[in-house]
mmCIF file of all heavy atoms, coordinates in Angstrom:
data_MODEL
# 
_entry.id   MODEL 
# 
loop_
_atom_site.group_PDB 
_atom_site.id 
_atom_site.type_symbol 
_atom_site.label_atom_id 
_atom_site.label_alt_id 
_atom_site.label_comp_id 
_atom_site.label_asym_id 
_atom_site.label_entity_id 
_atom_site.label_seq_id 
_atom_site.pdbx_PDB_ins_code 
_atom_site.Cartn_x 
_atom_site.Cartn_y 
_atom_site.Cartn_z 
_atom_site.occupancy 
_atom_site.B_iso_or_equiv 
_atom_site.pdbx_formal_charge 
_atom_site.auth_seq_id 
_atom_site.auth_comp_id 
_atom_site.auth_asym_id 
_atom_site.auth_atom_id 
_atom_site.pdbx_PDB_model_num 
ATOM 1   N N   . TRP A 1 1  ? -12.900 -48.002 6.934  1.00 0.00 ? 1  TRP A N   1 
ATOM 2   C CA  . TRP A 1 1  ? -14.165 -48.696 6.883  1.00 0.00 ? 1  TRP A CA  1 
ATOM 3   C C   . TRP A 1 1  ? -13.935 -50.082 7.398  1.00 0.00 ? 1  TRP A C   1 
ATOM 4   O O   . TRP A 1 1  ? -14.927 -50.587 8.187  1.00 0.00 ? 1  TRP A O   1 
ATOM 5   C CB  . TRP A 1 1  ? -14.702 -48.764 5.480  1.00 0.00 ? 1  TRP A CB  1 
ATOM 6   C CG  . TRP A 1 1  ? -16.107 -49.428 5.379  1.00 0.00 ? 1  TRP A CG  1 
ATOM 7   C CD1 . TRP A 1 1  ? -17.296 -48.887 5.954  1.00 0.00 ? 1  TRP A CD1 1 
ATOM 8   C CD2 . TRP A 1 1  ? -16.382 -50.593 4.733  1.00 0.00 ? 1  TRP A CD2 1 
ATOM 9   N NE1 . TRP A 1 1  ? -18.290 -49.828 5.553  1.00 0.00 ? 1  TRP A NE1 1 
ATOM 10  C CE2 . TRP A 1 1  ? -17.778 -50.829 4.719  1.00 0.00 ? 1  TRP A CE2 1 
ATOM 11  C CE3 . TRP A 1 1  ? -15.596 -51.375 3.817  1.00 0.00 ? 1  TRP A CE3 1 
ATOM 12  C CZ2 . TRP A 1 1  ? -18.367 -51.920 4.271  1.00 0.00 ? 1  TRP A CZ2 1 
ATOM 13  C CZ3 . TRP A 1 1  ? -16.304 -52.417 3.283  1.00 0.00 ? 1  TRP A CZ3 1 
ATOM 14  C CH2 . TRP A 1 1  ? -17.611 -52.711 3.389  1.00 0.00 ? 1  TRP A CH2 1 
ATOM 15  N N   . LEU A 1 2  ? -12.950 -50.844 7.115  1.00 0.00 ? 2  LEU A N   1 
ATOM 16  C CA  . LEU A 1 2  ? -12.723 -52.202 7.484  1.00 0.00 ? 2  LEU A CA  1 
ATOM 17  C C   . LEU A 1 2  ? -12.340 -52.254 9.005  1.00 0.00 ? 2  LEU A C   1 
ATOM 18  O O   . LEU A 1 2  ? -12.637 -53.231 9.686  1.00 0.00 ? 2  LEU A O   1 
ATOM 19  C CB  . LEU A 1 2  ? -11.847 -52.867 6.616  1.00 0.00 ? 2  LEU A CB  1 
ATOM 20  C CG  . LEU A 1 2  ? -12.121 -53.128 5.159  1.00 0.00 ? 2  LEU A CG  1 
ATOM 21  C CD1 . LEU A 1 2  ? -11.148 -53.775 4.345  1.00 0.00 ? 2  LEU A CD1 1 
ATOM 22  C CD2 . LEU A 1 2  ? -13.424 -54.148 5.125  1.00 0.00 ? 2  LEU A CD2 1 
ATOM 23  N N   . GLU A 1 3  ? -11.582 -51.357 9.410  1.00 0.00 ? 3  GLU A N   1 
ATOM 24  C CA  . GLU A 1 3  ? -11.009 -51.296 10.762 1.00 0.00 ? 3  GLU A CA  1 
ATOM 25  C C   . GLU A 1 3  ? -11.966 -50.648 11.775 1.00 0.00 ? 3  GLU A C   1 
ATOM 26  O O   . GLU A 1 3  ? -11.741 -50.706 12.971 1.00 0.00 ? 3  GLU A O   1 
ATOM 27  C CB  . GLU A 1 3  ? -9.737  -50.674 10.800 1.00 0.00 ? 3  GLU A CB  1 
ATOM 28  C CG  . GLU A 1 3  ? -8.654  -51.451 10.064 1.00 0.00 ? 3  GLU A CG  1 
ATOM 29  C CD  . GLU A 1 3  ? -8.346  -52.838 10.624 1.00 0.00 ? 3  GLU A CD  1 
ATOM 30  O OE1 . GLU A 1 3  ? -8.335  -52.979 11.894 1.00 0.00 ? 3  GLU A OE1 1 
ATOM 31  O OE2 . GLU A 1 3  ? -8.005  -53.617 9.942  1.00 0.00 ? 3  GLU A OE2 1 
ATOM 32  N N   . TRP A 1 4  ? -13.051 -49.970 11.417 1.00 0.00 ? 4  TRP A N   1 
ATOM 33  C CA  . TRP A 1 4  ? -13.852 -49.237 12.346 1.00 0.00 ? 4  TRP A CA  1 
ATOM 34  C C   . TRP A 1 4  ? -14.407 -50.026 13.367 1.00 0.00 ? 4  TRP A C   1 
ATOM 35  O O   . TRP A 1 4  ? -14.474 -49.550 14.508 1.00 0.00 ? 4  TRP A O   1 
ATOM 36  C CB  . TRP A 1 4  ? -14.952 -48.478 11.615 1.00 0.00 ? 4  TRP A CB  1 
ATOM 37  C CG  . TRP A 1 4  ? -15.586 -47.432 12.351 1.00 0.00 ? 4  TRP A CG  1 
ATOM 38  C CD1 . TRP A 1 4  ? -16.850 -47.520 12.847 1.00 0.00 ? 4  TRP A CD1 1 
ATOM 39  C CD2 . TRP A 1 4  ? -14.960 -46.164 12.629 1.00 0.00 ? 4  TRP A CD2 1 
ATOM 40  N NE1 . TRP A 1 4  ? -17.108 -46.407 13.571 1.00 0.00 ? 4  TRP A NE1 1 
ATOM 41  C CE2 . TRP A 1 4  ? -15.962 -45.493 13.520 1.00 0.00 ? 4  TRP A CE2 1 
ATOM 42  C CE3 . TRP A 1 4  ? -13.822 -45.523 12.441 1.00 0.00 ? 4  TRP A CE3 1 
ATOM 43  C CZ2 . TRP A 1 4  ? -15.856 -44.356 13.983 1.00 0.00 ? 4  TRP A CZ2 1 
ATOM 44  C CZ3 . TRP A 1 4  ? -13.629 -44.233 13.008 1.00 0.00 ? 4  TRP A CZ3 1 
ATOM 45  C CH2 . TRP A 1 4  ? -14.550 -43.674 13.751 1.00 0.00 ? 4  TRP A CH2 1 
ATOM 46  N N   . PRO A 1 5  ? -14.986 -51.150 13.055 1.00 0.00 ? 5  PRO A N   1 
ATOM 47  C CA  . PRO A 1 5  ? -15.589 -51.973 14.193 1.00 0.00 ? 5  PRO A CA  1 
ATOM 48  C C   . PRO A 1 5  ? -14.536 -52.404 15.279 1.00 0.00 ? 5  PRO A C   1 
ATOM 49  O O   . PRO A 1 5  ? -14.714 -52.604 16.422 1.00 0.00 ? 5  PRO A O   1 
ATOM 50  C CB  . PRO A 1 5  ? -16.105 -53.252 13.578 1.00 0.00 ? 5  PRO A CB  1 
ATOM 51  C CG  . PRO A 1 5  ? -16.341 -52.829 12.175 1.00 0.00 ? 5  PRO A CG  1 
ATOM 52  C CD  . PRO A 1 5  ? -15.228 -51.858 11.927 1.00 0.00 ? 5  PRO A CD  1 
ATOM 53  N N   . LYS A 1 6  ? -13.273 -52.522 14.794 1.00 0.00 ? 6  LYS A N   1 
ATOM 54  C CA  . LYS A 1 6  ? -12.268 -53.042 15.791 1.00 0.00 ? 6  LYS A CA  1 
ATOM 55  C C   . LYS A 1 6  ? -11.601 -51.804 16.567 1.00 0.00 ? 6  LYS A C   1 
ATOM 56  O O   . LYS A 1 6  ? -11.070 -52.048 17.645 1.00 0.00 ? 6  LYS A O   1 
ATOM 57  C CB  . LYS A 1 6  ? -10.944 -53.675 14.932 1.00 0.00 ? 6  LYS A CB  1 
ATOM 58  C CG  . LYS A 1 6  ? -11.499 -54.938 14.238 1.00 0.00 ? 6  LYS A CG  1 
ATOM 59  C CD  . LYS A 1 6  ? -10.245 -55.399 13.258 1.00 0.00 ? 6  LYS A CD  1 
ATOM 60  C CE  . LYS A 1 6  ? -10.643 -56.650 12.508 1.00 0.00 ? 6  LYS A CE  1 
ATOM 61  N NZ  . LYS A 1 6  ? -9.556  -56.949 11.611 1.00 0.00 ? 6  LYS A NZ  1 
ATOM 62  N N   . LEU A 1 7  ? -11.822 -50.674 16.023 1.00 0.00 ? 7  LEU A N   1 
ATOM 63  C CA  . LEU A 1 7  ? -11.379 -49.435 16.815 1.00 0.00 ? 7  LEU A CA  1 
ATOM 64  C C   . LEU A 1 7  ? -12.042 -49.267 18.151 1.00 0.00 ? 7  LEU A C   1 
ATOM 65  O O   . LEU A 1 7  ? -11.341 -48.796 19.045 1.00 0.00 ? 7  LEU A O   1 
ATOM 66  C CB  . LEU A 1 7  ? -11.514 -48.233 15.954 1.00 0.00 ? 7  LEU A CB  1 
ATOM 67  C CG  . LEU A 1 7  ? -10.600 -47.999 14.807 1.00 0.00 ? 7  LEU A CG  1 
ATOM 68  C CD1 . LEU A 1 7  ? -11.006 -46.803 14.004 1.00 0.00 ? 7  LEU A CD1 1 
ATOM 69  C CD2 . LEU A 1 7  ? -9.207  -47.785 15.163 1.00 0.00 ? 7  LEU A CD2 1 
ATOM 70  N N   . LYS A 1 8  ? -13.250 -49.700 18.321 1.00 0.00 ? 8  LYS A N   1 
ATOM 71  C CA  . LYS A 1 8  ? -13.922 -49.503 19.536 1.00 0.00 ? 8  LYS A CA  1 
ATOM 72  C C   . LYS A 1 8  ? -13.310 -50.341 20.620 1.00 0.00 ? 8  LYS A C   1 
ATOM 73  O O   . LYS A 1 8  ? -13.355 -49.989 21.814 1.00 0.00 ? 8  LYS A O   1 
ATOM 74  C CB  . LYS A 1 8  ? -15.428 -49.937 19.353 1.00 0.00 ? 8  LYS A CB  1 
ATOM 75  C CG  . LYS A 1 8  ? -15.995 -49.095 18.369 1.00 0.00 ? 8  LYS A CG  1 
ATOM 76  C CD  . LYS A 1 8  ? -17.576 -49.411 18.120 1.00 0.00 ? 8  LYS A CD  1 
ATOM 77  C CE  . LYS A 1 8  ? -18.149 -48.542 17.089 1.00 0.00 ? 8  LYS A CE  1 
ATOM 78  N NZ  . LYS A 1 8  ? -19.441 -48.969 16.773 1.00 0.00 ? 8  LYS A NZ  1 
ATOM 79  N N   . LYS A 1 9  ? -12.630 -51.416 20.275 1.00 0.00 ? 9  LYS A N   1 
ATOM 80  C CA  . LYS A 1 9  ? -12.073 -52.301 21.291 1.00 0.00 ? 9  LYS A CA  1 
ATOM 81  C C   . LYS A 1 9  ? -10.570 -51.842 21.612 1.00 0.00 ? 9  LYS A C   1 
ATOM 82  O O   . LYS A 1 9  ? -10.098 -52.357 22.558 1.00 0.00 ? 9  LYS A O   1 
ATOM 83  C CB  . LYS A 1 9  ? -11.899 -53.747 20.759 1.00 0.00 ? 9  LYS A CB  1 
ATOM 84  C CG  . LYS A 1 9  ? -13.406 -54.399 20.483 1.00 0.00 ? 9  LYS A CG  1 
ATOM 85  C CD  . LYS A 1 9  ? -13.290 -55.683 19.869 1.00 0.00 ? 9  LYS A CD  1 
ATOM 86  C CE  . LYS A 1 9  ? -14.659 -56.177 19.336 1.00 0.00 ? 9  LYS A CE  1 
ATOM 87  N NZ  . LYS A 1 9  ? -14.582 -57.480 18.724 1.00 0.00 ? 9  LYS A NZ  1 
ATOM 88  N N   . TRP A 1 10 ? -9.947  -51.033 20.726 1.00 0.00 ? 10 TRP A N   1 
ATOM 89  C CA  . TRP A 1 10 ? -8.636  -50.700 20.911 1.00 0.00 ? 10 TRP A CA  1 
ATOM 90  C C   . TRP A 1 10 ? -8.468  -49.679 22.092 1.00 0.00 ? 10 TRP A C   1 
ATOM 91  O O   . TRP A 1 10 ? -9.393  -48.939 22.407 1.00 0.00 ? 10 TRP A O   1 
ATOM 92  C CB  . TRP A 1 10 ? -8.056  -50.251 19.651 1.00 0.00 ? 10 TRP A CB  1 
ATOM 93  C CG  . TRP A 1 10 ? -7.832  -51.075 18.515 1.00 0.00 ? 10 TRP A CG  1 
ATOM 94  C CD1 . TRP A 1 10 ? -8.067  -52.454 18.541 1.00 0.00 ? 10 TRP A CD1 1 
ATOM 95  C CD2 . TRP A 1 10 ? -7.401  -50.902 17.143 1.00 0.00 ? 10 TRP A CD2 1 
ATOM 96  N NE1 . TRP A 1 10 ? -7.800  -52.916 17.404 1.00 0.00 ? 10 TRP A NE1 1 
ATOM 97  C CE2 . TRP A 1 10 ? -7.473  -52.105 16.570 1.00 0.00 ? 10 TRP A CE2 1 
ATOM 98  C CE3 . TRP A 1 10 ? -6.952  -49.702 16.521 1.00 0.00 ? 10 TRP A CE3 1 
ATOM 99  C CZ2 . TRP A 1 10 ? -6.890  -52.150 15.210 1.00 0.00 ? 10 TRP A CZ2 1 
ATOM 100 C CZ3 . TRP A 1 10 ? -6.635  -49.830 15.296 1.00 0.00 ? 10 TRP A CZ3 1 
ATOM 101 C CH2 . TRP A 1 10 ? -6.557  -51.065 14.430 1.00 0.00 ? 10 TRP A CH2 1 
ATOM 102 N N   . GLY A 1 11 ? -7.287  -49.565 22.612 1.00 0.00 ? 11 GLY A N   1 
ATOM 103 C CA  . GLY A 1 11 ? -6.959  -48.546 23.495 1.00 0.00 ? 11 GLY A CA  1 
ATOM 104 C C   . GLY A 1 11 ? -6.557  -47.306 22.951 1.00 0.00 ? 11 GLY A C   1 
ATOM 105 O O   . GLY A 1 11 ? -6.516  -47.179 21.630 1.00 0.00 ? 11 GLY A O   1 
ATOM 106 N N   . VAL A 1 12 ? -6.301  -46.303 23.685 1.00 0.00 ? 12 VAL A N   1 
ATOM 107 C CA  . VAL A 1 12 ? -5.983  -44.986 23.222 1.00 0.00 ? 12 VAL A CA  1 
ATOM 108 C C   . VAL A 1 12 ? -4.690  -45.003 22.516 1.00 0.00 ? 12 VAL A C   1 
ATOM 109 O O   . VAL A 1 12 ? -4.565  -44.369 21.404 1.00 0.00 ? 12 VAL A O   1 
ATOM 110 C CB  . VAL A 1 12 ? -5.931  -43.916 24.454 1.00 0.00 ? 12 VAL A CB  1 
ATOM 111 C CG1 . VAL A 1 12 ? -5.428  -42.560 23.921 1.00 0.00 ? 12 VAL A CG1 1 
ATOM 112 C CG2 . VAL A 1 12 ? -7.345  -43.905 25.088 1.00 0.00 ? 12 VAL A CG2 1 
ATOM 113 N N   . LYS A 1 13 ? -3.691  -45.685 22.999 1.00 0.00 ? 13 LYS A N   1 
ATOM 114 C CA  . LYS A 1 13 ? -2.501  -45.736 22.261 1.00 0.00 ? 13 LYS A CA  1 
ATOM 115 C C   . LYS A 1 13 ? -2.526  -46.426 20.944 1.00 0.00 ? 13 LYS A C   1 
ATOM 116 O O   . LYS A 1 13 ? -1.930  -45.819 19.947 1.00 0.00 ? 13 LYS A O   1 
ATOM 117 C CB  . LYS A 1 13 ? -1.361  -46.472 23.029 1.00 0.00 ? 13 LYS A CB  1 
ATOM 118 C CG  . LYS A 1 13 ? -0.993  -45.716 24.399 1.00 0.00 ? 13 LYS A CG  1 
ATOM 119 C CD  . LYS A 1 13 ? 0.020   -46.608 25.214 1.00 0.00 ? 13 LYS A CD  1 
ATOM 120 C CE  . LYS A 1 13 ? 0.490   -45.862 26.382 1.00 0.00 ? 13 LYS A CE  1 
ATOM 121 N NZ  . LYS A 1 13 ? 1.348   -46.632 27.251 1.00 0.00 ? 13 LYS A NZ  1 
ATOM 122 N N   . GLU A 1 14 ? -3.166  -47.428 20.839 1.00 0.00 ? 14 GLU A N   1 
ATOM 123 C CA  . GLU A 1 14 ? -3.426  -48.174 19.541 1.00 0.00 ? 14 GLU A CA  1 
ATOM 124 C C   . GLU A 1 14 ? -4.126  -47.363 18.660 1.00 0.00 ? 14 GLU A C   1 
ATOM 125 O O   . GLU A 1 14 ? -3.757  -47.229 17.388 1.00 0.00 ? 14 GLU A O   1 
ATOM 126 C CB  . GLU A 1 14 ? -4.190  -49.463 19.716 1.00 0.00 ? 14 GLU A CB  1 
ATOM 127 C CG  . GLU A 1 14 ? -3.311  -50.543 20.360 1.00 0.00 ? 14 GLU A CG  1 
ATOM 128 C CD  . GLU A 1 14 ? -3.487  -50.505 21.915 1.00 0.00 ? 14 GLU A CD  1 
ATOM 129 O OE1 . GLU A 1 14 ? -4.149  -49.595 22.460 1.00 0.00 ? 14 GLU A OE1 1 
ATOM 130 O OE2 . GLU A 1 14 ? -2.786  -51.308 22.504 1.00 0.00 ? 14 GLU A OE2 1 
ATOM 131 N N   . LYS A 1 15 ? -5.102  -46.538 18.931 1.00 0.00 ? 15 LYS A N   1 
ATOM 132 C CA  . LYS A 1 15 ? -5.872  -45.625 18.119 1.00 0.00 ? 15 LYS A CA  1 
ATOM 133 C C   . LYS A 1 15 ? -4.907  -44.518 17.601 1.00 0.00 ? 15 LYS A C   1 
ATOM 134 O O   . LYS A 1 15 ? -5.021  -44.088 16.467 1.00 0.00 ? 15 LYS A O   1 
ATOM 135 C CB  . LYS A 1 15 ? -7.078  -44.999 18.828 1.00 0.00 ? 15 LYS A CB  1 
ATOM 136 C CG  . LYS A 1 15 ? -8.227  -46.023 19.027 1.00 0.00 ? 15 LYS A CG  1 
ATOM 137 C CD  . LYS A 1 15 ? -9.339  -45.421 19.772 1.00 0.00 ? 15 LYS A CD  1 
ATOM 138 C CE  . LYS A 1 15 ? -10.332 -46.398 20.076 1.00 0.00 ? 15 LYS A CE  1 
ATOM 139 N NZ  . LYS A 1 15 ? -11.618 -45.750 20.821 1.00 0.00 ? 15 LYS A NZ  1 
ATOM 140 N N   . ALA A 1 16 ? -4.086  -43.898 18.555 1.00 0.00 ? 16 ALA A N   1 
ATOM 141 C CA  . ALA A 1 16 ? -3.272  -42.858 18.233 1.00 0.00 ? 16 ALA A CA  1 
ATOM 142 C C   . ALA A 1 16 ? -2.167  -43.326 17.193 1.00 0.00 ? 16 ALA A C   1 
ATOM 143 O O   . ALA A 1 16 ? -1.899  -42.621 16.188 1.00 0.00 ? 16 ALA A O   1 
ATOM 144 C CB  . ALA A 1 16 ? -2.473  -42.357 19.446 1.00 0.00 ? 16 ALA A CB  1 
ATOM 145 N N   . VAL A 1 17 ? -1.582  -44.504 17.289 1.00 0.00 ? 17 VAL A N   1 
ATOM 146 C CA  . VAL A 1 17 ? -0.786  -44.997 16.220 1.00 0.00 ? 17 VAL A CA  1 
ATOM 147 C C   . VAL A 1 17 ? -1.352  -45.216 15.023 1.00 0.00 ? 17 VAL A C   1 
ATOM 148 O O   . VAL A 1 17 ? -0.805  -44.859 13.870 1.00 0.00 ? 17 VAL A O   1 
ATOM 149 C CB  . VAL A 1 17 ? -0.010  -46.471 16.921 1.00 0.00 ? 17 VAL A CB  1 
ATOM 150 C CG1 . VAL A 1 17 ? 0.702   -47.001 15.712 1.00 0.00 ? 17 VAL A CG1 1 
ATOM 151 C CG2 . VAL A 1 17 ? 0.817   -46.163 18.059 1.00 0.00 ? 17 VAL A CG2 1 
ATOM 152 N N   . PHE A 1 18 ? -2.543  -45.833 14.967 1.00 0.00 ? 18 PHE A N   1 
ATOM 153 C CA  . PHE A 1 18 ? -3.280  -46.223 13.713 1.00 0.00 ? 18 PHE A CA  1 
ATOM 154 C C   . PHE A 1 18 ? -3.579  -44.876 12.997 1.00 0.00 ? 18 PHE A C   1 
ATOM 155 O O   . PHE A 1 18 ? -3.265  -44.654 11.796 1.00 0.00 ? 18 PHE A O   1 
ATOM 156 C CB  . PHE A 1 18 ? -4.612  -46.872 14.156 1.00 0.00 ? 18 PHE A CB  1 
ATOM 157 C CG  . PHE A 1 18 ? -5.522  -47.157 12.906 1.00 0.00 ? 18 PHE A CG  1 
ATOM 158 C CD1 . PHE A 1 18 ? -5.146  -48.107 12.019 1.00 0.00 ? 18 PHE A CD1 1 
ATOM 159 C CD2 . PHE A 1 18 ? -6.574  -46.482 12.727 1.00 0.00 ? 18 PHE A CD2 1 
ATOM 160 C CE1 . PHE A 1 18 ? -5.932  -48.432 10.982 1.00 0.00 ? 18 PHE A CE1 1 
ATOM 161 C CE2 . PHE A 1 18 ? -7.489  -46.696 11.618 1.00 0.00 ? 18 PHE A CE2 1 
ATOM 162 C CZ  . PHE A 1 18 ? -7.096  -47.760 10.707 1.00 0.00 ? 18 PHE A CZ  1 
ATOM 163 N N   . PHE A 1 19 ? -4.083  -43.767 13.645 1.00 0.00 ? 19 PHE A N   1 
ATOM 164 C CA  . PHE A 1 19 ? -4.427  -42.559 13.014 1.00 0.00 ? 19 PHE A CA  1 
ATOM 165 C C   . PHE A 1 19 ? -3.175  -41.729 12.556 1.00 0.00 ? 19 PHE A C   1 
ATOM 166 O O   . PHE A 1 19 ? -3.194  -41.041 11.616 1.00 0.00 ? 19 PHE A O   1 
ATOM 167 C CB  . PHE A 1 19 ? -5.377  -41.751 13.852 1.00 0.00 ? 19 PHE A CB  1 
ATOM 168 C CG  . PHE A 1 19 ? -6.761  -42.264 13.753 1.00 0.00 ? 19 PHE A CG  1 
ATOM 169 C CD1 . PHE A 1 19 ? -7.394  -42.719 14.974 1.00 0.00 ? 19 PHE A CD1 1 
ATOM 170 C CD2 . PHE A 1 19 ? -7.633  -42.346 12.651 1.00 0.00 ? 19 PHE A CD2 1 
ATOM 171 C CE1 . PHE A 1 19 ? -8.622  -43.266 14.919 1.00 0.00 ? 19 PHE A CE1 1 
ATOM 172 C CE2 . PHE A 1 19 ? -8.856  -42.888 12.518 1.00 0.00 ? 19 PHE A CE2 1 
ATOM 173 C CZ  . PHE A 1 19 ? -9.341  -43.351 13.803 1.00 0.00 ? 19 PHE A CZ  1 
ATOM 174 N N   . SER A 1 20 ? -2.120  -41.856 13.390 1.00 0.00 ? 20 SER A N   1 
ATOM 175 C CA  . SER A 1 20 ? -0.801  -41.247 13.030 1.00 0.00 ? 20 SER A CA  1 
ATOM 176 C C   . SER A 1 20 ? -0.242  -41.729 11.757 1.00 0.00 ? 20 SER A C   1 
ATOM 177 O O   . SER A 1 20 ? 0.310   -41.139 10.911 1.00 0.00 ? 20 SER A O   1 
ATOM 178 C CB  . SER A 1 20 ? 0.102   -41.174 14.163 1.00 0.00 ? 20 SER A CB  1 
ATOM 179 O OG  . SER A 1 20 ? 0.465   -42.399 14.525 1.00 0.00 ? 20 SER A OG  1 
ATOM 180 N N   . LEU A 1 21 ? -0.284  -43.116 11.644 1.00 0.00 ? 21 LEU A N   1 
ATOM 181 C CA  . LEU A 1 21 ? 0.165   -43.738 10.403 1.00 0.00 ? 21 LEU A CA  1 
ATOM 182 C C   . LEU A 1 21 ? -0.542  -43.421 9.174  1.00 0.00 ? 21 LEU A C   1 
ATOM 183 O O   . LEU A 1 21 ? -0.010  -43.122 8.184  1.00 0.00 ? 21 LEU A O   1 
ATOM 184 C CB  . LEU A 1 21 ? 0.250   -45.333 10.553 1.00 0.00 ? 21 LEU A CB  1 
ATOM 185 C CG  . LEU A 1 21 ? 1.389   -45.849 11.569 1.00 0.00 ? 21 LEU A CG  1 
ATOM 186 C CD1 . LEU A 1 21 ? 1.138   -47.353 11.673 1.00 0.00 ? 21 LEU A CD1 1 
ATOM 187 C CD2 . LEU A 1 21 ? 2.711   -45.548 10.930 1.00 0.00 ? 21 LEU A CD2 1 
ATOM 188 N N   . LEU A 1 22 ? -1.939  -43.275 9.395  1.00 0.00 ? 22 LEU A N   1 
ATOM 189 C CA  . LEU A 1 22 ? -2.604  -42.880 8.234  1.00 0.00 ? 22 LEU A CA  1 
ATOM 190 C C   . LEU A 1 22 ? -2.448  -41.367 7.939  1.00 0.00 ? 22 LEU A C   1 
ATOM 191 O O   . LEU A 1 22 ? -2.407  -40.993 6.719  1.00 0.00 ? 22 LEU A O   1 
ATOM 192 C CB  . LEU A 1 22 ? -4.216  -43.039 8.535  1.00 0.00 ? 22 LEU A CB  1 
ATOM 193 C CG  . LEU A 1 22 ? -4.736  -44.537 8.573  1.00 0.00 ? 22 LEU A CG  1 
ATOM 194 C CD1 . LEU A 1 22 ? -6.191  -44.483 8.961  1.00 0.00 ? 22 LEU A CD1 1 
ATOM 195 C CD2 . LEU A 1 22 ? -4.491  -45.173 7.340  1.00 0.00 ? 22 LEU A CD2 1 
ATOM 196 N N   . ALA A 1 23 ? -2.211  -40.664 8.952  1.00 0.00 ? 23 ALA A N   1 
ATOM 197 C CA  . ALA A 1 23 ? -1.847  -39.178 8.645  1.00 0.00 ? 23 ALA A CA  1 
ATOM 198 C C   . ALA A 1 23 ? -0.518  -39.107 7.932  1.00 0.00 ? 23 ALA A C   1 
ATOM 199 O O   . ALA A 1 23 ? -0.419  -38.183 7.018  1.00 0.00 ? 23 ALA A O   1 
ATOM 200 C CB  . ALA A 1 23 ? -1.904  -38.401 9.993  1.00 0.00 ? 23 ALA A CB  1 
ATOM 201 N N   . VAL A 1 24 ? 0.422   -39.832 8.401  1.00 0.00 ? 24 VAL A N   1 
ATOM 202 C CA  . VAL A 1 24 ? 1.802   -39.821 7.693  1.00 0.00 ? 24 VAL A CA  1 
ATOM 203 C C   . VAL A 1 24 ? 1.625   -40.193 6.147  1.00 0.00 ? 24 VAL A C   1 
ATOM 204 O O   . VAL A 1 24 ? 2.139   -39.568 5.287  1.00 0.00 ? 24 VAL A O   1 
ATOM 205 C CB  . VAL A 1 24 ? 2.721   -40.722 8.300  1.00 0.00 ? 24 VAL A CB  1 
ATOM 206 C CG1 . VAL A 1 24 ? 4.031   -41.067 7.535  1.00 0.00 ? 24 VAL A CG1 1 
ATOM 207 C CG2 . VAL A 1 24 ? 3.161   -40.098 9.695  1.00 0.00 ? 24 VAL A CG2 1 
ATOM 208 N N   . ILE A 1 25 ? 0.728   -41.263 5.927  1.00 0.00 ? 25 ILE A N   1 
ATOM 209 C CA  . ILE A 1 25 ? 0.468   -41.593 4.538  1.00 0.00 ? 25 ILE A CA  1 
ATOM 210 C C   . ILE A 1 25 ? -0.130  -40.460 3.852  1.00 0.00 ? 25 ILE A C   1 
ATOM 211 O O   . ILE A 1 25 ? 0.238   -40.247 2.601  1.00 0.00 ? 25 ILE A O   1 
ATOM 212 C CB  . ILE A 1 25 ? -0.480  -42.887 4.442  1.00 0.00 ? 25 ILE A CB  1 
ATOM 213 C CG1 . ILE A 1 25 ? 0.214   -44.108 5.094  1.00 0.00 ? 25 ILE A CG1 1 
ATOM 214 C CG2 . ILE A 1 25 ? -0.898  -43.188 3.073  1.00 0.00 ? 25 ILE A CG2 1 
ATOM 215 C CD1 . ILE A 1 25 ? -0.572  -45.308 5.283  1.00 0.00 ? 25 ILE A CD1 1 
ATOM 216 N N   . CYS A 1 26 ? -0.955  -39.844 4.401  1.00 0.00 ? 26 CYS A N   1 
ATOM 217 C CA  . CYS A 1 26 ? -1.748  -38.648 3.682  1.00 0.00 ? 26 CYS A CA  1 
ATOM 218 C C   . CYS A 1 26 ? -0.654  -37.530 3.334  1.00 0.00 ? 26 CYS A C   1 
ATOM 219 O O   . CYS A 1 26 ? -0.691  -36.973 2.368  1.00 0.00 ? 26 CYS A O   1 
ATOM 220 C CB  . CYS A 1 26 ? -2.773  -38.011 4.511  1.00 0.00 ? 26 CYS A CB  1 
ATOM 221 S SG  . CYS A 1 26 ? -4.257  -39.238 4.697  1.00 0.00 ? 26 CYS A SG  1 
# 
């Protein structure tokens, strides 16, 4: 929720790293 506005500015690689880290946590 806090990072969603910033995600629109990020590139594909940054988004992939962000979501993969969250997936590893899950």
